[in-house]
Amino acid sequence: MPHILIVDDEAVIRLSLSRLLTRHGHEVAVAGSVAEARALGPWDRFDLIVTDLRMPGEDGLAIVREASVPVVVITSFATVRSAVDAMKEGAVDYLPKPFDHDELLLMVERIAKQENQRRKSAAMAADVARCFPTRLMGNHPALGEAVRMGAKGLGAGLPILICGETGTGKELVARSIFEESPRRMGPFVAINCAAIPEALMESELFGHKRGAFTGADADRVGLVEEARAGVLFLDEIAELSLTAQARLLRVLQEHKVRRVGENEDRPVDFVLVAATHQNLEQRVAAGMFRADLLFRIQGIRLDVPPLRERGDDVMLLAGLFLQRACQRMARTVPEWSDETQELLRRYRWPGNVRELLHVVERAALIADGGWIHPPHLPPEIAGEGGAVGEPGEPLDIHDHFRATVLKYQGAMGETELAKKLGISRKTLWERRKKMGIPRS
């Protein structure tokens, strides 16, 4: 749960807020002044700071100016001017005393969720920037065009539908579009519709009122509201129930949301980006997806090409993944042998980029000797019944060993030959003996 700092010179207020927030599962620290708050250590270890505006010594605006985390200002001296000043300095919200406890709890939940999403987005962006300097997973022209069109669409408020096979990087494309769009200063709120039980999906998306159903012990802000001024990304949108589809359609049409159990509509401001690996037209024909929702969500439709159609991206991504894996394992980055590169280029990659990542991480783990050779690849790629296409026939892993030994043993010693194969001298000797390959 969020870690919250309360700063107020009135002990009664500190105690009341601390008990309220602790009772609702939050971890709370308190301070009676700005100086005491500083003595607690760096403020960035908190998820939220709630501070009084007017206090002896430095006032609450000092915290607003200096804190790198969200700050909510509360005060008994509520005026329009003081509220404007606090918001100008960077406060995320403002509450006059006396305030309603439910209103405060709802505000805390909303801000804590937005900060959590912001941190996730920042971590994802940093990881993407570190692993993929060009941001997208590869240099295929279709990817750059998808981001350009998508960012333009987001700027115009058009919903975007991203289609592509599993593992092609649809969420990364969505995040890249978001980073290039005018909405990049807002939150990027992502949810995988296939990962949320149907019974909880409407509450997750649209929020609920306390007491709306068994277990609804407090008001809940839905993801639609969390995405205010930003983007709501629905991965695997085809998995939404027809009921949830109907409610989503209404939100998109009216730009309003009604929480489960409420009779009041709330205005929302977000742009939808959806993704799917399924054929939505076929699901519409089967009665599993609403035709009107499909028309609504594909303001711009983007198709992410599968890895097998992306040519040089295979080795580009393999190199990036290999560097990342070896850095994590504190190992020297090995080289790809020519035979290995040929196999990687010819493989059909039914699991797309995700499969390539796993293959490279496996090879980085088991390879030694400074080279990655076909024996370090899974059998389906190295040649034992894998989805390998033209040109030529796939090499059997044992055939590869035999062919390499017979080709190079006359010009290489055993140590050099073992190094080329990516195995130890002992393993080379054992395989020679097992396969009946004499030394020349």
Protein backbone atom coordinates (compact mmCIF):
# COMPACT_ATOMS: atom_id res chain seq x y z
CA MET A 1 0.00 0.00 0.00
CA PRO A 2 1.10 3.63 -0.49
CA HIS A 3 3.46 5.21 2.02
CA ILE A 4 2.08 8.63 2.99
CA LEU A 5 3.66 11.53 4.90
CA ILE A 6 1.34 13.87 6.85
CA VAL A 7 2.72 17.30 7.75
CA ASP A 8 0.54 19.47 10.03
CA ASP A 9 1.30 21.60 13.08
CA GLU A 10 -1.97 20.54 14.76
CA ALA A 11 -1.46 17.27 16.66
CA VAL A 12 -5.20 16.48 16.55
CA ILE A 13 -5.21 16.67 12.74
CA ARG A 14 -2.06 14.54 12.48
CA LEU A 15 -3.51 11.88 14.74
CA SER A 16 -6.92 11.89 13.01
CA LEU A 17 -5.46 11.59 9.51
CA SER A 18 -2.92 8.98 10.59
CA ARG A 19 -5.62 6.78 12.14
CA LEU A 20 -7.92 7.19 9.13
CA LEU A 21 -5.28 6.28 6.56
CA THR A 22 -3.76 3.48 8.66
CA ARG A 23 -7.22 1.97 9.14
CA HIS A 24 -7.53 1.79 5.34
CA GLY A 25 -4.24 -0.03 4.91
CA HIS A 26 -1.83 2.84 4.23
CA GLU A 27 1.59 3.18 5.83
CA VAL A 28 1.81 6.60 7.46
CA ALA A 29 4.55 8.88 8.82
CA VAL A 30 3.83 12.23 10.53
CA ALA A 31 5.66 15.51 11.09
CA GLY A 32 4.66 18.72 12.88
CA SER A 33 6.60 21.08 10.65
CA VAL A 34 8.58 21.30 7.43
CA ALA A 35 11.79 20.96 9.46
CA GLU A 36 10.53 17.75 11.09
CA ALA A 37 9.51 16.44 7.69
CA ARG A 38 13.03 17.03 6.36
CA ALA A 39 14.48 15.17 9.34
CA LEU A 40 12.59 12.04 8.29
CA GLY A 41 14.86 11.63 5.26
CA PRO A 42 14.38 11.91 1.51
CA TRP A 43 10.78 12.61 0.55
CA ASP A 44 10.95 10.48 -2.57
CA ARG A 45 10.56 7.38 -0.41
CA PHE A 46 6.93 8.41 0.10
CA ASP A 47 4.21 7.89 -2.49
CA LEU A 48 2.23 10.96 -1.38
CA ILE A 49 2.60 13.92 0.98
CA VAL A 50 -0.42 15.58 2.64
CA THR A 51 0.60 18.93 4.12
CA ASP A 52 -1.04 21.87 5.84
CA LEU A 53 -0.52 25.15 4.02
CA ARG A 54 0.02 27.53 6.93
CA MET A 55 2.40 26.39 9.68
CA PRO A 56 4.95 28.06 11.98
CA GLY A 57 8.28 28.51 10.24
CA GLU A 58 8.25 27.41 6.62
CA ASP A 59 4.80 26.94 5.14
CA GLY A 60 3.51 24.00 3.13
CA LEU A 61 4.44 25.61 -0.18
CA ALA A 62 8.08 24.78 0.62
CA ILE A 63 7.18 21.11 0.49
CA VAL A 64 5.20 21.60 -2.72
CA ARG A 65 8.21 23.27 -4.37
CA GLU A 66 10.83 20.76 -3.21
CA ALA A 67 9.05 17.38 -3.26
CA SER A 68 9.40 15.11 -6.28
CA VAL A 69 6.32 13.13 -5.26
CA PRO A 70 2.65 14.25 -5.39
CA VAL A 71 1.59 16.73 -2.71
CA VAL A 72 -1.95 17.46 -1.50
CA VAL A 73 -2.43 20.74 0.37
CA ILE A 74 -5.00 21.11 3.18
CA THR A 75 -5.73 24.30 5.11
CA SER A 76 -8.28 26.05 7.34
CA PHE A 77 -7.56 29.33 5.50
CA ALA A 78 -9.10 28.29 2.20
CA THR A 79 -9.25 31.00 -0.40
CA VAL A 80 -9.28 30.89 -4.17
CA ARG A 81 -5.91 32.67 -4.17
CA SER A 82 -4.25 30.18 -1.83
CA ALA A 83 -5.58 27.25 -3.86
CA VAL A 84 -4.32 28.80 -7.10
CA ASP A 85 -0.91 29.51 -5.56
CA ALA A 86 -0.58 25.92 -4.32
CA MET A 87 -1.57 24.42 -7.68
CA LYS A 88 0.80 26.78 -9.52
CA GLU A 89 3.66 25.63 -7.33
CA GLY A 90 2.92 22.01 -8.21
CA ALA A 91 0.36 20.65 -5.74
CA VAL A 92 -1.74 17.91 -7.32
CA ASP A 93 -4.85 18.74 -5.31
CA TYR A 94 -6.24 20.96 -2.58
CA LEU A 95 -8.69 20.35 0.29
CA PRO A 96 -10.17 22.97 2.64
CA LYS A 97 -10.66 22.11 6.30
CA PRO A 98 -12.91 20.65 7.53
CA PHE A 99 -12.94 18.00 4.84
CA ASP A 100 -14.94 14.84 4.35
CA HIS A 101 -13.01 11.67 5.19
CA ASP A 102 -14.43 9.75 2.25
CA GLU A 103 -13.42 12.56 -0.10
CA LEU A 104 -9.86 12.45 1.25
CA LEU A 105 -9.65 8.67 0.97
CA LEU A 106 -10.88 8.75 -2.61
CA MET A 107 -8.38 11.48 -3.47
CA VAL A 108 -5.52 9.53 -1.86
CA GLU A 109 -6.45 6.38 -3.77
CA ARG A 110 -6.66 8.21 -7.07
CA ILE A 111 -3.36 10.05 -6.66
CA ALA A 112 -1.53 6.96 -5.36
CA LYS A 113 -2.72 4.95 -8.36
CA GLN A 114 -1.69 7.68 -10.78
CA GLU A 115 1.75 7.89 -9.18
CA ASN A 116 2.12 4.11 -9.37
CA GLN A 117 1.21 4.18 -13.06
CA ARG A 118 3.62 7.07 -13.63
CA ARG A 119 6.46 5.15 -12.01
CA LYS A 120 5.65 2.01 -14.02
CA SER A 121 5.60 4.04 -17.23
CA ALA A 122 8.88 5.72 -16.35
CA ALA A 123 10.50 2.37 -15.54
CA MET A 124 9.21 0.90 -18.81
CA ALA A 125 10.43 3.91 -20.77
CA ALA A 126 13.87 3.66 -19.15
CA ASP A 127 14.06 -0.06 -19.90
CA VAL A 128 12.99 0.51 -23.49
CA ALA A 129 15.50 3.34 -23.93
CA ARG A 130 18.28 1.18 -22.47
CA CYS A 131 17.51 -1.92 -24.50
CA PHE A 132 16.21 -0.30 -27.67
CA PRO A 133 17.87 3.04 -28.38
CA THR A 134 15.54 3.59 -31.34
CA ARG A 135 12.64 2.97 -28.91
CA LEU A 136 10.91 0.56 -31.26
CA MET A 137 11.91 -3.09 -31.46
CA GLY A 138 13.70 -2.85 -34.78
CA ASN A 139 14.08 -0.63 -37.82
CA HIS A 140 11.35 -2.00 -40.09
CA PRO A 141 9.69 0.92 -41.95
CA ALA A 142 6.20 -0.31 -41.00
CA LEU A 143 6.97 0.22 -37.32
CA GLY A 144 8.11 3.80 -37.78
CA GLU A 145 5.07 4.56 -39.92
CA ALA A 146 2.78 3.00 -37.30
CA VAL A 147 4.21 5.26 -34.59
CA ARG A 148 4.00 8.35 -36.78
CA MET A 149 0.36 7.71 -37.72
CA GLY A 150 -0.57 6.67 -34.21
CA ALA A 151 0.93 9.75 -32.56
CA LYS A 152 -0.86 11.94 -35.08
CA GLY A 153 -4.12 10.14 -34.29
CA LEU A 154 -3.68 10.52 -30.53
CA GLY A 155 -3.10 14.22 -30.99
CA ALA A 156 -6.45 14.42 -32.79
CA GLY A 157 -8.19 12.34 -30.10
CA LEU A 158 -8.78 9.33 -32.37
CA PRO A 159 -8.90 5.86 -30.81
CA ILE A 160 -6.27 3.45 -32.15
CA LEU A 161 -6.47 -0.28 -32.75
CA ILE A 162 -3.16 -2.18 -32.95
CA CYS A 163 -3.35 -5.63 -34.54
CA GLY A 164 -0.64 -8.26 -34.72
CA GLU A 165 0.36 -11.76 -33.76
CA THR A 166 1.21 -12.65 -30.18
CA GLY A 167 4.70 -11.50 -29.24
CA THR A 168 5.14 -8.85 -31.94
CA GLY A 169 5.48 -6.02 -29.40
CA LYS A 170 2.06 -4.36 -29.65
CA GLU A 171 2.31 -2.79 -26.19
CA LEU A 172 5.74 -1.39 -26.98
CA VAL A 173 4.33 0.12 -30.17
CA ALA A 174 1.50 1.62 -28.09
CA ARG A 175 3.95 3.11 -25.59
CA SER A 176 6.11 4.49 -28.39
CA ILE A 177 3.05 6.14 -29.92
CA PHE A 178 2.18 7.60 -26.51
CA GLU A 179 5.73 8.96 -26.01
CA GLU A 180 5.57 10.71 -29.40
CA SER A 181 2.10 12.18 -28.88
CA PRO A 182 0.87 15.40 -27.24
CA ARG A 183 -0.59 13.26 -24.43
CA ARG A 184 2.82 12.05 -23.22
CA MET A 185 2.64 14.32 -20.15
CA GLY A 186 -0.41 12.39 -18.93
CA PRO A 187 -0.56 8.83 -17.59
CA PHE A 188 -0.28 5.67 -19.69
CA VAL A 189 -2.69 3.27 -17.99
CA ALA A 190 -2.38 -0.30 -19.27
CA ILE A 191 -4.47 -3.38 -18.57
CA ASN A 192 -4.50 -6.85 -20.08
CA CYS A 193 -8.17 -7.73 -20.49
CA ALA A 194 -7.36 -11.44 -20.57
CA ALA A 195 -5.77 -11.26 -17.11
CA ILE A 196 -8.79 -9.83 -15.24
CA PRO A 197 -11.68 -12.12 -14.23
CA GLU A 198 -14.93 -11.20 -15.99
CA ALA A 199 -16.67 -10.54 -12.65
CA LEU A 200 -14.11 -7.86 -11.75
CA MET A 201 -13.57 -6.27 -15.15
CA GLU A 202 -16.30 -3.62 -14.96
CA SER A 203 -15.19 -2.52 -11.50
CA GLU A 204 -11.56 -2.41 -12.66
CA LEU A 205 -12.35 -0.32 -15.73
CA PHE A 206 -15.14 1.92 -14.51
CA GLY A 207 -14.73 1.95 -10.72
CA HIS A 208 -17.40 1.30 -8.10
CA LYS A 209 -19.22 2.87 -5.19
CA ARG A 210 -18.78 1.57 -1.68
CA GLY A 211 -21.39 -1.13 -1.02
CA ALA A 212 -22.12 -1.70 -4.72
CA PHE A 213 -21.41 -5.42 -4.24
CA THR A 214 -20.01 -7.82 -1.68
CA GLY A 215 -16.42 -6.83 -0.90
CA ALA A 216 -16.79 -3.22 -2.12
CA ASP A 217 -15.68 -1.73 1.20
CA ALA A 218 -14.65 1.65 -0.22
CA ASP A 219 -15.17 3.80 -3.29
CA ARG A 220 -12.83 2.82 -6.12
CA VAL A 221 -11.56 4.90 -9.02
CA GLY A 222 -11.62 2.97 -12.29
CA LEU A 223 -8.84 2.87 -14.86
CA VAL A 224 -10.91 5.02 -17.22
CA GLU A 225 -10.73 7.87 -14.70
CA GLU A 226 -7.08 7.17 -13.86
CA ALA A 227 -6.20 7.78 -17.51
CA ARG A 228 -7.33 11.41 -17.27
CA ALA A 229 -5.43 13.58 -19.79
CA GLY A 230 -3.55 10.50 -20.95
CA VAL A 231 -4.02 7.14 -22.65
CA LEU A 232 -5.92 4.00 -21.66
CA PHE A 233 -4.30 0.93 -23.24
CA LEU A 234 -6.51 -2.18 -23.40
CA ASP A 235 -4.43 -5.17 -24.43
CA GLU A 236 -6.37 -8.19 -25.73
CA ILE A 237 -9.57 -6.14 -26.01
CA ALA A 238 -11.28 -9.11 -27.70
CA GLU A 239 -11.47 -10.76 -24.26
CA LEU A 240 -13.92 -8.17 -22.89
CA SER A 241 -17.37 -9.52 -22.13
CA LEU A 242 -20.28 -8.19 -24.18
CA THR A 243 -21.55 -6.34 -21.10
CA ALA A 244 -18.21 -4.61 -20.57
CA GLN A 245 -18.08 -3.85 -24.30
CA ALA A 246 -21.44 -2.09 -24.10
CA ARG A 247 -20.32 0.05 -21.16
CA LEU A 248 -17.03 0.90 -22.86
CA LEU A 249 -18.90 1.94 -26.00
CA ARG A 250 -21.07 4.33 -23.97
CA VAL A 251 -17.99 5.85 -22.31
CA LEU A 252 -16.33 6.40 -25.70
CA GLN A 253 -19.47 7.95 -27.18
CA GLU A 254 -20.41 10.25 -24.30
CA HIS A 255 -17.00 10.89 -22.68
CA LYS A 256 -18.59 10.10 -19.34
CA VAL A 257 -18.31 7.17 -16.96
CA ARG A 258 -20.68 5.87 -14.33
CA ARG A 259 -19.12 3.82 -11.55
CA VAL A 260 -20.74 0.53 -10.64
CA GLY A 261 -23.46 1.22 -8.08
CA GLU A 262 -23.73 4.95 -8.81
CA ASN A 263 -26.39 6.99 -10.60
CA GLU A 264 -24.07 9.87 -11.40
CA ASP A 265 -22.02 10.33 -14.58
CA ARG A 266 -18.51 11.70 -14.33
CA PRO A 267 -16.69 13.41 -17.23
CA VAL A 268 -13.56 11.64 -18.51
CA ASP A 269 -10.72 12.74 -20.74
CA PHE A 270 -8.62 9.95 -22.26
CA VAL A 271 -7.83 8.43 -25.62
CA LEU A 272 -8.20 4.68 -26.09
CA VAL A 273 -5.47 2.53 -27.59
CA ALA A 274 -6.50 -1.11 -27.94
CA ALA A 275 -4.59 -4.16 -29.11
CA THR A 276 -5.48 -7.69 -30.15
CA HIS A 277 -3.99 -10.73 -31.84
CA GLN A 278 -7.45 -11.97 -32.85
CA ASN A 279 -9.53 -11.28 -35.95
CA LEU A 280 -12.20 -8.96 -34.60
CA GLU A 281 -14.29 -9.14 -37.78
CA GLN A 282 -14.59 -12.90 -37.29
CA ARG A 283 -15.55 -12.39 -33.64
CA VAL A 284 -18.21 -9.88 -34.72
CA ALA A 285 -19.60 -12.46 -37.16
CA ALA A 286 -19.63 -15.04 -34.35
CA GLY A 287 -21.51 -12.67 -32.03
CA MET A 288 -18.57 -12.37 -29.62
CA PHE A 289 -17.66 -8.75 -30.30
CA ARG A 290 -19.88 -5.73 -30.90
CA ALA A 291 -19.74 -4.33 -34.43
CA ASP A 292 -20.47 -0.79 -33.21
CA LEU A 293 -17.58 -0.99 -30.74
CA LEU A 294 -15.24 -2.21 -33.47
CA PHE A 295 -16.19 0.77 -35.64
CA ARG A 296 -15.60 3.08 -32.67
CA ILE A 297 -12.16 1.78 -31.60
CA GLN A 298 -10.52 1.67 -35.01
CA GLY A 299 -10.28 5.40 -35.65
CA ILE A 300 -6.79 4.45 -36.85
CA ARG A 301 -5.94 0.79 -37.41
CA LEU A 302 -2.29 -0.24 -37.29
CA ASP A 303 -0.86 -3.66 -38.18
CA VAL A 304 2.41 -4.75 -36.54
CA PRO A 305 4.28 -7.10 -38.92
CA PRO A 306 5.44 -10.48 -37.58
CA LEU A 307 9.16 -10.93 -36.99
CA ARG A 308 9.54 -13.32 -39.95
CA GLU A 309 8.63 -10.43 -42.28
CA ARG A 310 11.07 -7.96 -40.76
CA GLY A 311 14.32 -9.07 -42.41
CA ASP A 312 17.39 -7.61 -40.73
CA ASP A 313 15.45 -6.85 -37.55
CA VAL A 314 16.06 -10.46 -36.45
CA MET A 315 19.81 -10.06 -36.00
CA LEU A 316 19.46 -6.44 -34.85
CA LEU A 317 17.16 -7.48 -32.03
CA ALA A 318 19.18 -10.62 -31.29
CA GLY A 319 22.24 -8.41 -30.78
CA LEU A 320 20.38 -6.03 -28.48
CA PHE A 321 18.91 -8.89 -26.44
CA LEU A 322 22.32 -10.58 -26.20
CA GLN A 323 23.99 -7.44 -24.87
CA ARG A 324 21.27 -7.03 -22.26
CA ALA A 325 21.41 -10.68 -21.18
CA CYS A 326 25.21 -10.72 -20.88
CA GLN A 327 25.18 -7.48 -18.93
CA ARG A 328 22.70 -8.99 -16.49
CA MET A 329 24.77 -12.18 -16.19
CA ALA A 330 28.07 -10.23 -15.95
CA ARG A 331 29.45 -12.19 -18.92
CA THR A 332 31.47 -11.19 -21.97
CA VAL A 333 29.23 -10.80 -25.01
CA PRO A 334 29.89 -13.71 -27.41
CA GLU A 335 29.81 -13.56 -31.21
CA TRP A 336 27.26 -15.22 -33.49
CA SER A 337 28.73 -17.84 -35.79
CA ASP A 338 27.79 -17.60 -39.46
CA GLU A 339 25.83 -20.87 -39.24
CA THR A 340 23.88 -19.59 -36.23
CA GLN A 341 23.02 -16.34 -37.94
CA GLU A 342 21.75 -18.23 -40.98
CA LEU A 343 19.52 -20.42 -38.80
CA LEU A 344 18.10 -17.42 -36.94
CA ARG A 345 17.32 -15.63 -40.21
CA ARG A 346 15.62 -18.69 -41.73
CA TYR A 347 13.49 -19.59 -38.72
CA ARG A 348 9.81 -18.60 -38.96
CA TRP A 349 9.50 -17.27 -35.37
CA PRO A 350 5.91 -18.28 -34.54
CA GLY A 351 6.38 -16.61 -31.12
CA ASN A 352 7.82 -13.46 -32.72
CA VAL A 353 9.97 -11.06 -30.69
CA ARG A 354 9.09 -12.69 -27.38
CA GLU A 355 10.35 -16.05 -28.64
CA LEU A 356 13.55 -14.48 -29.98
CA LEU A 357 14.22 -12.94 -26.57
CA HIS A 358 13.95 -16.32 -24.84
CA VAL A 359 16.14 -18.02 -27.45
CA VAL A 360 18.87 -15.40 -27.09
CA GLU A 361 18.79 -15.49 -23.28
CA ARG A 362 19.11 -19.28 -23.38
CA ALA A 363 22.05 -19.10 -25.76
CA ALA A 364 23.78 -16.45 -23.64
CA LEU A 365 23.48 -18.72 -20.62
CA ILE A 366 24.86 -21.95 -22.12
CA ALA A 367 27.41 -20.64 -24.64
CA ASP A 368 31.07 -20.59 -23.73
CA GLY A 369 34.24 -20.01 -25.68
CA GLY A 370 33.21 -16.61 -27.03
CA TRP A 371 30.92 -17.90 -29.81
CA ILE A 372 27.26 -18.90 -30.15
CA HIS A 373 26.91 -21.96 -32.40
CA PRO A 374 23.89 -23.98 -33.59
CA PRO A 375 24.16 -26.46 -30.66
CA HIS A 376 23.36 -23.53 -28.35
CA LEU A 377 19.99 -23.00 -30.06
CA PRO A 378 16.77 -24.93 -29.30
CA PRO A 379 16.25 -28.05 -31.46
CA GLU A 380 13.35 -26.49 -33.36
CA ILE A 381 15.73 -23.80 -34.63
CA ALA A 382 18.91 -25.84 -34.90
CA GLY A 383 17.10 -28.26 -37.17
CA GLU A 384 15.21 -30.99 -35.34
CA GLY A 385 11.73 -30.55 -36.77
CA GLY A 386 11.52 -26.77 -36.35
CA ALA A 387 9.61 -24.22 -38.34
CA VAL A 388 12.53 -23.41 -40.62
CA GLY A 389 11.86 -22.03 -44.07
CA GLU A 390 13.77 -21.49 -47.26
CA PRO A 391 16.49 -21.41 -48.36
CA GLY A 392 17.80 -24.97 -48.02
CA GLU A 393 17.03 -27.78 -45.64
CA PRO A 394 17.56 -27.40 -41.89
CA LEU A 395 20.68 -28.84 -40.38
CA ASP A 396 20.36 -31.60 -37.83
CA ILE A 397 22.34 -30.73 -34.71
CA HIS A 398 24.41 -33.93 -34.98
CA ASP A 399 24.97 -33.40 -38.69
CA HIS A 400 26.22 -29.93 -37.92
CA PHE A 401 28.71 -31.31 -35.39
CA ARG A 402 29.94 -33.99 -37.78
CA ALA A 403 30.23 -31.58 -40.72
CA THR A 404 32.12 -28.98 -38.66
CA VAL A 405 34.57 -31.51 -37.22
CA LEU A 406 35.32 -33.12 -40.60
CA LYS A 407 35.69 -29.72 -42.28
CA TYR A 408 38.07 -28.11 -39.79
CA GLN A 409 39.91 -30.88 -37.93
CA GLY A 410 42.71 -31.01 -40.50
CA ALA A 411 43.49 -27.30 -40.02
CA MET A 412 42.73 -26.92 -36.31
CA GLY A 413 43.93 -28.46 -33.10
CA GLU A 414 41.42 -29.98 -30.66
CA THR A 415 41.35 -26.90 -28.43
CA GLU A 416 40.67 -24.55 -31.36
CA LEU A 417 38.04 -26.89 -32.82
CA ALA A 418 36.25 -27.20 -29.48
CA LYS A 419 36.25 -23.40 -29.19
CA LYS A 420 34.67 -23.07 -32.63
CA LEU A 421 31.94 -25.51 -31.65
CA GLY A 422 31.38 -23.70 -28.35
CA ILE A 423 32.12 -26.77 -26.24
CA SER A 424 34.93 -28.06 -24.04
CA ARG A 425 37.72 -30.41 -25.24
CA LYS A 426 36.26 -33.14 -23.04
CA THR A 427 32.82 -32.75 -24.67
CA LEU A 428 34.44 -32.81 -28.12
CA TRP A 429 36.23 -36.06 -27.29
CA GLU A 430 33.06 -37.65 -25.87
CA ARG A 431 30.98 -36.72 -28.93
CA ARG A 432 33.69 -37.99 -31.31
CA LYS A 433 33.65 -41.30 -29.52
CA LYS A 434 29.84 -41.53 -29.41
CA MET A 435 29.42 -40.64 -33.10
CA GLY A 436 32.39 -42.64 -34.31
CA ILE A 437 34.31 -39.71 -35.80
CA PRO A 438 38.05 -40.53 -35.76
CA ARG A 439 40.72 -37.88 -35.42
CA SER A 440 42.49 -37.16 -38.69
